């Protein structure tokens, strides 16, 4: 999936703005907090994947973000406690719908870390590079179902006006119950907040994260 020249220029400019400087808060030394961060990471991944037997990950395999945010244990734990039910087995949203909302949120926030990370996850779920490109175009892209367009519209309306319109709400309600409607709102808000702190902390991308260029 090729990205046109103008889009590549805009992506490069945004990457330079966020990633072209050192992180604003440095991660702690891995050796100093290895056991603590290993256990936190094990619990987080276990909750998201539904694996109660999740093994302790090797220190070198843990993303740097975990060693930055462990500086703020109380607040970081609260953030994770919201994230776990939104992405794990307790979620009431269909996985594809959930990922579509996260991707559009990450793109609208122009969040390299969030968008690139979730593109990789989306592709493992079956999203194609063409679908990821369509996410970057939003409602104007052809091929979406009415339900998918309503999810994208909800993200775009919340991003622009902090409220889902009556028309979009009615379209979503054709398939979602009240629990799913509420979870969608919280999901979009949670990943908007995540984009805010990842962007503002100027977090470095992991080696396998292509940021906003991910397709």
C-alpha atoms as a PDB file:
ATOM      1  CA  UNK A   1       0.000   0.000   0.000  1.00  0.00           C
ATOM      2  CA  UNK A   2       1.741   3.159  -1.190  1.00  0.00           C
ATOM      3  CA  UNK A   3       1.199   6.534   0.430  1.00  0.00           C
ATOM      4  CA  UNK A   4       1.187   9.548  -1.870  1.00  0.00           C
ATOM      5  CA  UNK A   5       3.973  12.109  -1.716  1.00  0.00           C
ATOM      6  CA  UNK A   6       1.956  14.862  -0.048  1.00  0.00           C
ATOM      7  CA  UNK A   7       0.666  12.511   2.651  1.00  0.00           C
ATOM      8  CA  UNK A   8       4.208  11.277   3.296  1.00  0.00           C
ATOM      9  CA  UNK A   9       5.378  14.866   3.709  1.00  0.00           C
ATOM     10  CA  UNK A  10       2.650  15.598   6.257  1.00  0.00           C
ATOM     11  CA  UNK A  11       3.476  12.406   8.147  1.00  0.00           C
ATOM     12  CA  UNK A  12       7.179  13.279   8.180  1.00  0.00           C
ATOM     13  CA  UNK A  13       6.408  16.758   9.510  1.00  0.00           C
ATOM     14  CA  UNK A  14       4.237  15.357  12.290  1.00  0.00           C
ATOM     15  CA  UNK A  15       6.820  12.728  13.198  1.00  0.00           C
ATOM     16  CA  UNK A  16       9.470  15.417  13.351  1.00  0.00           C
ATOM     17  CA  UNK A  17       7.257  17.535  15.617  1.00  0.00           C
ATOM     18  CA  UNK A  18       6.679  14.719  18.113  1.00  0.00           C
ATOM     19  CA  UNK A  19       9.594  12.341  17.609  1.00  0.00           C
ATOM     20  CA  UNK A  20      12.305  14.755  16.526  1.00  0.00           C
ATOM     21  CA  UNK A  21      13.347  15.505  20.091  1.00  0.00           C
ATOM     22  CA  UNK A  22      14.221  13.433  23.156  1.00  0.00           C
ATOM     23  CA  UNK A  23      11.365  12.184  25.345  1.00  0.00           C
ATOM     24  CA  UNK A  24      10.239  14.899  27.733  1.00  0.00           C
ATOM     25  CA  UNK A  25      10.279  12.430  30.613  1.00  0.00           C
ATOM     26  CA  UNK A  26      13.012   9.820  30.455  1.00  0.00           C
ATOM     27  CA  UNK A  27      12.250   6.197  31.340  1.00  0.00           C
ATOM     28  CA  UNK A  28      13.718   4.833  34.522  1.00  0.00           C
ATOM     29  CA  UNK A  29      16.625   2.432  34.319  1.00  0.00           C
ATOM     30  CA  UNK A  30      15.255  -1.021  33.522  1.00  0.00           C
ATOM     31  CA  UNK A  31      17.447  -2.732  36.064  1.00  0.00           C
ATOM     32  CA  UNK A  32      16.061  -0.586  38.877  1.00  0.00           C
ATOM     33  CA  UNK A  33      12.408  -1.573  38.379  1.00  0.00           C
ATOM     34  CA  UNK A  34      12.615  -4.788  36.372  1.00  0.00           C
ATOM     35  CA  UNK A  35      10.515  -7.045  38.593  1.00  0.00           C
ATOM     36  CA  UNK A  36       7.849  -4.406  39.221  1.00  0.00           C
ATOM     37  CA  UNK A  37       7.412  -3.509  35.545  1.00  0.00           C
ATOM     38  CA  UNK A  38       7.528  -7.143  34.467  1.00  0.00           C
ATOM     39  CA  UNK A  39       4.603  -7.924  36.771  1.00  0.00           C
ATOM     40  CA  UNK A  40       2.642  -4.838  35.687  1.00  0.00           C
ATOM     41  CA  UNK A  41       3.168  -5.763  32.037  1.00  0.00           C
ATOM     42  CA  UNK A  42       2.188  -9.385  32.668  1.00  0.00           C
ATOM     43  CA  UNK A  43      -1.044  -8.288  34.326  1.00  0.00           C
ATOM     44  CA  UNK A  44      -1.865  -5.786  31.577  1.00  0.00           C
ATOM     45  CA  UNK A  45      -1.281  -8.189  28.694  1.00  0.00           C
ATOM     46  CA  UNK A  46      -2.986 -10.997  30.574  1.00  0.00           C
ATOM     47  CA  UNK A  47      -6.088  -8.880  31.166  1.00  0.00           C
ATOM     48  CA  UNK A  48      -6.270  -7.753  27.537  1.00  0.00           C
ATOM     49  CA  UNK A  49      -5.716 -11.227  26.103  1.00  0.00           C
ATOM     50  CA  UNK A  50      -7.736 -13.061  28.737  1.00  0.00           C
ATOM     51  CA  UNK A  51      -4.764 -15.217  29.703  1.00  0.00           C
ATOM     52  CA  UNK A  52      -4.675 -15.765  33.439  1.00  0.00           C
ATOM     53  CA  UNK A  53      -1.513 -17.835  32.950  1.00  0.00           C
ATOM     54  CA  UNK A  54       0.358 -15.090  31.100  1.00  0.00           C
ATOM     55  CA  UNK A  55       4.084 -15.653  31.720  1.00  0.00           C
ATOM     56  CA  UNK A  56       6.360 -12.912  32.974  1.00  0.00           C
ATOM     57  CA  UNK A  57       7.840 -11.186  29.896  1.00  0.00           C
ATOM     58  CA  UNK A  58      11.608 -10.733  29.537  1.00  0.00           C
ATOM     59  CA  UNK A  59      12.731  -7.270  30.578  1.00  0.00           C
ATOM     60  CA  UNK A  60      14.226  -6.556  27.164  1.00  0.00           C
ATOM     61  CA  UNK A  61      10.897  -7.325  25.447  1.00  0.00           C
ATOM     62  CA  UNK A  62       8.888  -4.771  27.444  1.00  0.00           C
ATOM     63  CA  UNK A  63       8.117  -1.511  25.586  1.00  0.00           C
ATOM     64  CA  UNK A  64       9.892   1.593  26.827  1.00  0.00           C
ATOM     65  CA  UNK A  65       6.568   3.283  27.609  1.00  0.00           C
ATOM     66  CA  UNK A  66       6.131   0.941  30.574  1.00  0.00           C
ATOM     67  CA  UNK A  67       9.406   2.182  32.062  1.00  0.00           C
ATOM     68  CA  UNK A  68       8.352   5.804  31.611  1.00  0.00           C
ATOM     69  CA  UNK A  69       4.851   5.590  33.032  1.00  0.00           C
ATOM     70  CA  UNK A  70       5.925   3.502  36.020  1.00  0.00           C
ATOM     71  CA  UNK A  71       7.181   6.826  37.399  1.00  0.00           C
ATOM     72  CA  UNK A  72       3.518   7.599  38.112  1.00  0.00           C
ATOM     73  CA  UNK A  73       2.285   4.339  39.659  1.00  0.00           C
ATOM     74  CA  UNK A  74      -1.066   5.462  41.057  1.00  0.00           C
ATOM     75  CA  UNK A  75      -2.265   7.319  37.969  1.00  0.00           C
ATOM     76  CA  UNK A  76      -0.781   4.812  35.524  1.00  0.00           C
ATOM     77  CA  UNK A  77      -2.545   1.990  37.347  1.00  0.00           C
ATOM     78  CA  UNK A  78      -5.815   3.916  37.047  1.00  0.00           C
ATOM     79  CA  UNK A  79      -5.267   4.363  33.305  1.00  0.00           C
ATOM     80  CA  UNK A  80      -4.602   0.645  32.901  1.00  0.00           C
ATOM     81  CA  UNK A  81      -7.656  -0.231  34.987  1.00  0.00           C
ATOM     82  CA  UNK A  82      -9.828   1.615  32.458  1.00  0.00           C
ATOM     83  CA  UNK A  83      -8.008   0.152  29.460  1.00  0.00           C
ATOM     84  CA  UNK A  84      -8.261  -3.500  30.524  1.00  0.00           C
ATOM     85  CA  UNK A  85     -12.059  -3.903  30.275  1.00  0.00           C
ATOM     86  CA  UNK A  86     -12.135  -1.851  27.080  1.00  0.00           C
ATOM     87  CA  UNK A  87      -9.727  -4.144  25.232  1.00  0.00           C
ATOM     88  CA  UNK A  88     -10.059  -7.460  27.015  1.00  0.00           C
ATOM     89  CA  UNK A  89     -12.678 -10.224  27.165  1.00  0.00           C
ATOM     90  CA  UNK A  90     -14.960  -7.999  29.266  1.00  0.00           C
ATOM     91  CA  UNK A  91     -15.475  -5.644  26.313  1.00  0.00           C
ATOM     92  CA  UNK A  92     -18.991  -5.726  24.868  1.00  0.00           C
ATOM     93  CA  UNK A  93     -17.951  -4.261  21.511  1.00  0.00           C
ATOM     94  CA  UNK A  94     -17.116  -6.470  18.514  1.00  0.00           C
ATOM     95  CA  UNK A  95     -13.302  -6.504  18.132  1.00  0.00           C
ATOM     96  CA  UNK A  96     -13.346  -5.039  14.612  1.00  0.00           C
ATOM     97  CA  UNK A  97     -15.656  -2.192  15.657  1.00  0.00           C
ATOM     98  CA  UNK A  98     -13.476  -1.465  18.660  1.00  0.00           C
ATOM     99  CA  UNK A  99     -10.295  -1.380  16.602  1.00  0.00           C
ATOM    100  CA  UNK A 100     -11.888   0.802  13.934  1.00  0.00           C
ATOM    101  CA  UNK A 101     -12.767   3.397  16.575  1.00  0.00           C
ATOM    102  CA  UNK A 102      -9.271   3.288  18.092  1.00  0.00           C
ATOM    103  CA  UNK A 103      -7.567   3.670  14.715  1.00  0.00           C
ATOM    104  CA  UNK A 104      -9.678   6.646  13.688  1.00  0.00           C
ATOM    105  CA  UNK A 105      -9.103   8.252  17.088  1.00  0.00           C
ATOM    106  CA  UNK A 106      -5.348   7.776  16.812  1.00  0.00           C
ATOM    107  CA  UNK A 107      -5.305   9.205  13.307  1.00  0.00           C
ATOM    108  CA  UNK A 108      -7.408  12.266  14.126  1.00  0.00           C
ATOM    109  CA  UNK A 109      -5.146  12.949  17.112  1.00  0.00           C
ATOM    110  CA  UNK A 110      -2.160  12.485  14.771  1.00  0.00           C
ATOM    111  CA  UNK A 111      -0.664  10.173  17.368  1.00  0.00           C
ATOM    112  CA  UNK A 112       2.251   8.183  15.893  1.00  0.00           C
ATOM    113  CA  UNK A 113       2.696   5.822  18.842  1.00  0.00           C
ATOM    114  CA  UNK A 114      -0.987   4.967  19.242  1.00  0.00           C
ATOM    115  CA  UNK A 115      -1.819   4.717  15.554  1.00  0.00           C
ATOM    116  CA  UNK A 116       1.179   2.588  14.613  1.00  0.00           C
ATOM    117  CA  UNK A 117       0.717   0.225  17.540  1.00  0.00           C
ATOM    118  CA  UNK A 118      -2.945  -0.362  16.749  1.00  0.00           C
ATOM    119  CA  UNK A 119      -2.374  -0.757  13.010  1.00  0.00           C
ATOM    120  CA  UNK A 120      -0.131  -3.715  13.831  1.00  0.00           C
ATOM    121  CA  UNK A 121      -2.844  -5.177  16.054  1.00  0.00           C
ATOM    122  CA  UNK A 122      -5.541  -4.475  13.449  1.00  0.00           C
ATOM    123  CA  UNK A 123      -3.598  -6.307  10.744  1.00  0.00           C
ATOM    124  CA  UNK A 124      -3.315  -9.352  12.992  1.00  0.00           C
ATOM    125  CA  UNK A 125      -7.125  -9.191  13.255  1.00  0.00           C
ATOM    126  CA  UNK A 126      -7.517  -9.151   9.483  1.00  0.00           C
ATOM    127  CA  UNK A 127      -7.530  -5.460   8.536  1.00  0.00           C
ATOM    128  CA  UNK A 128      -5.922  -4.905   5.141  1.00  0.00           C
ATOM    129  CA  UNK A 129      -3.512  -2.067   4.293  1.00  0.00           C
ATOM    130  CA  UNK A 130      -6.260  -0.645   2.074  1.00  0.00           C
ATOM    131  CA  UNK A 131      -8.676  -0.573   5.017  1.00  0.00           C
ATOM    132  CA  UNK A 132      -6.087   1.160   7.187  1.00  0.00           C
ATOM    133  CA  UNK A 133      -5.615   3.766   4.463  1.00  0.00           C
ATOM    134  CA  UNK A 134      -9.398   4.188   4.340  1.00  0.00           C
ATOM    135  CA  UNK A 135      -9.384   4.845   8.096  1.00  0.00           C
ATOM    136  CA  UNK A 136      -7.071   7.804   7.492  1.00  0.00           C
ATOM    137  CA  UNK A 137      -9.632   9.217   5.035  1.00  0.00           C
ATOM    138  CA  UNK A 138     -12.565   8.614   7.365  1.00  0.00           C
ATOM    139  CA  UNK A 139     -16.129   9.063   6.158  1.00  0.00           C
ATOM    140  CA  UNK A 140     -15.070  10.202   2.695  1.00  0.00           C
ATOM    141  CA  UNK A 141     -13.537   6.797   1.908  1.00  0.00           C
ATOM    142  CA  UNK A 142     -15.731   4.397  -0.087  1.00  0.00           C
ATOM    143  CA  UNK A 143     -16.516   0.874   1.017  1.00  0.00           C
ATOM    144  CA  UNK A 144     -17.678   1.304   4.599  1.00  0.00           C
ATOM    145  CA  UNK A 145     -20.925  -0.286   5.744  1.00  0.00           C
ATOM    146  CA  UNK A 146     -23.550   1.989   7.287  1.00  0.00           C
ATOM    147  CA  UNK A 147     -22.582   0.671  10.723  1.00  0.00           C
ATOM    148  CA  UNK A 148     -18.867   1.283  10.172  1.00  0.00           C
ATOM    149  CA  UNK A 149     -19.600   4.767   8.884  1.00  0.00           C
ATOM    150  CA  UNK A 150     -21.540   5.447  12.086  1.00  0.00           C
ATOM    151  CA  UNK A 151     -18.548   4.380  14.197  1.00  0.00           C
ATOM    152  CA  UNK A 152     -16.254   6.664  12.204  1.00  0.00           C
ATOM    153  CA  UNK A 153     -18.802   9.470  12.450  1.00  0.00           C
ATOM    154  CA  UNK A 154     -18.972   9.071  16.233  1.00  0.00           C
ATOM    155  CA  UNK A 155     -15.200   9.440  16.494  1.00  0.00           C
ATOM    156  CA  UNK A 156     -15.152  12.454  14.192  1.00  0.00           C
ATOM    157  CA  UNK A 157     -18.056  14.190  15.930  1.00  0.00           C
ATOM    158  CA  UNK A 158     -16.570  13.673  19.378  1.00  0.00           C
ATOM    159  CA  UNK A 159     -13.212  14.937  18.132  1.00  0.00           C
ATOM    160  CA  UNK A 160     -14.810  18.057  16.626  1.00  0.00           C
ATOM    161  CA  UNK A 161     -17.760  18.799  18.913  1.00  0.00           C
ATOM    162  CA  UNK A 162     -17.418  16.590  22.024  1.00  0.00           C
ATOM    163  CA  UNK A 163     -20.840  15.074  21.277  1.00  0.00           C
ATOM    164  CA  UNK A 164     -22.335  12.371  19.061  1.00  0.00           C
ATOM    165  CA  UNK A 165     -25.095  13.704  16.803  1.00  0.00           C
ATOM    166  CA  UNK A 166     -28.672  12.416  16.852  1.00  0.00           C
ATOM    167  CA  UNK A 167     -28.339  10.864  13.395  1.00  0.00           C
ATOM    168  CA  UNK A 168     -25.156   8.991  14.280  1.00  0.00           C
ATOM    169  CA  UNK A 169     -26.613   7.844  17.599  1.00  0.00           C
ATOM    170  CA  UNK A 170     -29.689   6.482  15.844  1.00  0.00           C
ATOM    171  CA  UNK A 171     -27.578   4.607  13.298  1.00  0.00           C
ATOM    172  CA  UNK A 172     -25.381   3.057  15.989  1.00  0.00           C
ATOM    173  CA  UNK A 173     -28.465   2.079  17.999  1.00  0.00           C
ATOM    174  CA  UNK A 174     -29.636  -0.120  15.135  1.00  0.00           C
ATOM    175  CA  UNK A 175     -26.949  -2.604  16.146  1.00  0.00           C
ATOM    176  CA  UNK A 176     -25.599  -1.555  19.542  1.00  0.00           C
ATOM    177  CA  UNK A 177     -27.401  -1.817  22.872  1.00  0.00           C
ATOM    178  CA  UNK A 178     -26.991   0.776  25.627  1.00  0.00           C
ATOM    179  CA  UNK A 179     -23.967  -0.973  27.143  1.00  0.00           C
ATOM    180  CA  UNK A 180     -22.185  -0.988  23.793  1.00  0.00           C
ATOM    181  CA  UNK A 181     -23.082   2.635  23.122  1.00  0.00           C
ATOM    182  CA  UNK A 182     -21.616   3.724  26.447  1.00  0.00           C
ATOM    183  CA  UNK A 183     -18.501   1.617  25.995  1.00  0.00           C
ATOM    184  CA  UNK A 184     -17.877   3.153  22.581  1.00  0.00           C
ATOM    185  CA  UNK A 185     -17.951   6.647  24.089  1.00  0.00           C
ATOM    186  CA  UNK A 186     -15.564   5.680  26.889  1.00  0.00           C
ATOM    187  CA  UNK A 187     -13.284   3.863  24.434  1.00  0.00           C
ATOM    188  CA  UNK A 188     -12.942   6.918  22.206  1.00  0.00           C
ATOM    189  CA  UNK A 189     -12.328   9.149  25.220  1.00  0.00           C
ATOM    190  CA  UNK A 190      -9.753   6.781  26.691  1.00  0.00           C
ATOM    191  CA  UNK A 191      -7.723   6.588  23.508  1.00  0.00           C
ATOM    192  CA  UNK A 192      -7.978  10.326  22.970  1.00  0.00           C
ATOM    193  CA  UNK A 193      -6.453  10.799  26.427  1.00  0.00           C
ATOM    194  CA  UNK A 194      -3.808   8.191  25.625  1.00  0.00           C
ATOM    195  CA  UNK A 195      -2.896  10.049  22.439  1.00  0.00           C
ATOM    196  CA  UNK A 196      -2.595  13.268  24.433  1.00  0.00           C
ATOM    197  CA  UNK A 197      -0.012  11.931  26.855  1.00  0.00           C
ATOM    198  CA  UNK A 198       1.889   9.808  24.322  1.00  0.00           C
ATOM    199  CA  UNK A 199       2.223  12.786  21.970  1.00  0.00           C
ATOM    200  CA  UNK A 200       3.053  15.302  24.680  1.00  0.00           C
ATOM    201  CA  UNK A 201       5.657  13.067  26.311  1.00  0.00           C
ATOM    202  CA  UNK A 202       7.294  12.638  22.877  1.00  0.00           C
ATOM    203  CA  UNK A 203       7.500   8.901  23.427  1.00  0.00           C
ATOM    204  CA  UNK A 204       9.902   7.070  21.123  1.00  0.00           C
ATOM    205  CA  UNK A 205       8.445   4.502  18.755  1.00  0.00           C
ATOM    206  CA  UNK A 206       9.284   0.852  19.257  1.00  0.00           C
ATOM    207  CA  UNK A 207      11.304  -0.791  16.483  1.00  0.00           C
ATOM    208  CA  UNK A 208       8.252  -2.414  14.863  1.00  0.00           C
ATOM    209  CA  UNK A 209       6.049   0.700  15.017  1.00  0.00           C
ATOM    210  CA  UNK A 210       5.885   2.743  11.797  1.00  0.00           C
ATOM    211  CA  UNK A 211       3.813   5.478  13.405  1.00  0.00           C
ATOM    212  CA  UNK A 212       1.476   7.402  11.117  1.00  0.00           C
ATOM    213  CA  UNK A 213       3.051   5.715   8.088  1.00  0.00           C
ATOM    214  CA  UNK A 214       1.822   2.304   9.242  1.00  0.00           C
ATOM    215  CA  UNK A 215      -0.380   0.546   6.726  1.00  0.00           C
END
